[in-house]
Amino acid sequence: MLFLVAALLLLGVVMGTVAHAPLTFTLVTAAVIAVWLGIFALRERHSRRHNPTH
């Protein structure tokens, strides 16, 4: 998942509006997205362990 975030960030730096944003803004935004994805993954893993579907 972090590889996907890094790849999308790199793609955004090479092409797109992220290239026009300051580097610090880009890194902070990438960190916020990575934290959000990590929290989402942990919540999904936690809910699957406590609510089995079978």
C-alpha atoms as a PDB file:
ATOM      1  CA  MET A   1       0.000   0.000   0.000  1.00  0.00           C
ATOM      2  CA  LEU A   2       2.821   2.410   0.810  1.00  0.00           C
ATOM      3  CA  PHE A   3       4.382   1.556  -2.553  1.00  0.00           C
ATOM      4  CA  LEU A   4       1.143   2.667  -4.210  1.00  0.00           C
ATOM      5  CA  VAL A   5       1.179   5.962  -2.288  1.00  0.00           C
ATOM      6  CA  ALA A   6       4.804   6.565  -3.266  1.00  0.00           C
ATOM      7  CA  ALA A   7       4.105   5.720  -6.901  1.00  0.00           C
ATOM      8  CA  LEU A   8       1.119   8.061  -7.056  1.00  0.00           C
ATOM      9  CA  LEU A   9       3.121  10.832  -5.375  1.00  0.00           C
ATOM     10  CA  LEU A  10       5.951  10.372  -7.858  1.00  0.00           C
ATOM     11  CA  LEU A  11       3.486  10.407 -10.740  1.00  0.00           C
ATOM     12  CA  GLY A  12       1.938  13.559  -9.357  1.00  0.00           C
ATOM     13  CA  VAL A  13       5.329  15.250  -9.061  1.00  0.00           C
ATOM     14  CA  VAL A  14       6.263  14.344 -12.617  1.00  0.00           C
ATOM     15  CA  MET A  15       2.864  15.218 -14.088  1.00  0.00           C
ATOM     16  CA  GLY A  16       0.038  17.248 -12.677  1.00  0.00           C
ATOM     17  CA  THR A  17      -0.727  19.962 -10.214  1.00  0.00           C
ATOM     18  CA  VAL A  18       1.473  18.553  -7.447  1.00  0.00           C
ATOM     19  CA  ALA A  19       4.481  19.708  -9.472  1.00  0.00           C
ATOM     20  CA  HIS A  20       3.373  23.302  -8.879  1.00  0.00           C
ATOM     21  CA  ALA A  21       2.905  22.894  -5.113  1.00  0.00           C
ATOM     22  CA  PRO A  22       5.802  23.433  -2.689  1.00  0.00           C
ATOM     23  CA  LEU A  23       7.701  20.284  -1.747  1.00  0.00           C
ATOM     24  CA  THR A  24       6.865  20.642   1.968  1.00  0.00           C
ATOM     25  CA  PHE A  25       3.136  20.834   1.176  1.00  0.00           C
ATOM     26  CA  THR A  26       3.414  17.764  -1.027  1.00  0.00           C
ATOM     27  CA  LEU A  27       5.255  15.777   1.646  1.00  0.00           C
ATOM     28  CA  VAL A  28       2.817  16.786   4.397  1.00  0.00           C
ATOM     29  CA  THR A  29      -0.140  15.870   2.214  1.00  0.00           C
ATOM     30  CA  ALA A  30       1.439  12.520   1.328  1.00  0.00           C
ATOM     31  CA  ALA A  31       2.047  11.828   5.020  1.00  0.00           C
ATOM     32  CA  VAL A  32      -1.578  12.648   5.897  1.00  0.00           C
ATOM     33  CA  ILE A  33      -2.836  10.321   3.145  1.00  0.00           C
ATOM     34  CA  ALA A  34      -0.459   7.550   4.280  1.00  0.00           C
ATOM     35  CA  VAL A  35      -1.651   7.870   7.893  1.00  0.00           C
ATOM     36  CA  TRP A  36      -5.278   7.814   6.778  1.00  0.00           C
ATOM     37  CA  LEU A  37      -4.693   4.693   4.691  1.00  0.00           C
ATOM     38  CA  GLY A  38      -2.876   3.044   7.607  1.00  0.00           C
ATOM     39  CA  ILE A  39      -5.736   3.778  10.006  1.00  0.00           C
ATOM     40  CA  PHE A  40      -8.226   2.476   7.456  1.00  0.00           C
ATOM     41  CA  ALA A  41      -6.219  -0.740   7.016  1.00  0.00           C
ATOM     42  CA  LEU A  42      -5.968  -1.283  10.775  1.00  0.00           C
ATOM     43  CA  ARG A  43      -9.699  -0.718  11.246  1.00  0.00           C
ATOM     44  CA  GLU A  44     -10.498  -3.158   8.432  1.00  0.00           C
ATOM     45  CA  ARG A  45      -8.177  -5.801   9.886  1.00  0.00           C
ATOM     46  CA  HIS A  46      -9.644  -5.280  13.356  1.00  0.00           C
ATOM     47  CA  SER A  47     -13.250  -5.542  12.142  1.00  0.00           C
ATOM     48  CA  ARG A  48     -12.541  -8.709  10.163  1.00  0.00           C
ATOM     49  CA  ARG A  49     -11.031 -10.404  13.208  1.00  0.00           C
ATOM     50  CA  HIS A  50     -13.943  -9.585  15.496  1.00  0.00           C
ATOM     51  CA  ASN A  51     -16.797 -10.069  13.001  1.00  0.00           C
ATOM     52  CA  PRO A  52     -16.218 -13.313  11.117  1.00  0.00           C
ATOM     53  CA  THR A  53     -18.459 -13.756   8.097  1.00  0.00           C
ATOM     54  CA  HIS A  54     -18.426 -17.554   8.188  1.00  0.00           C
END
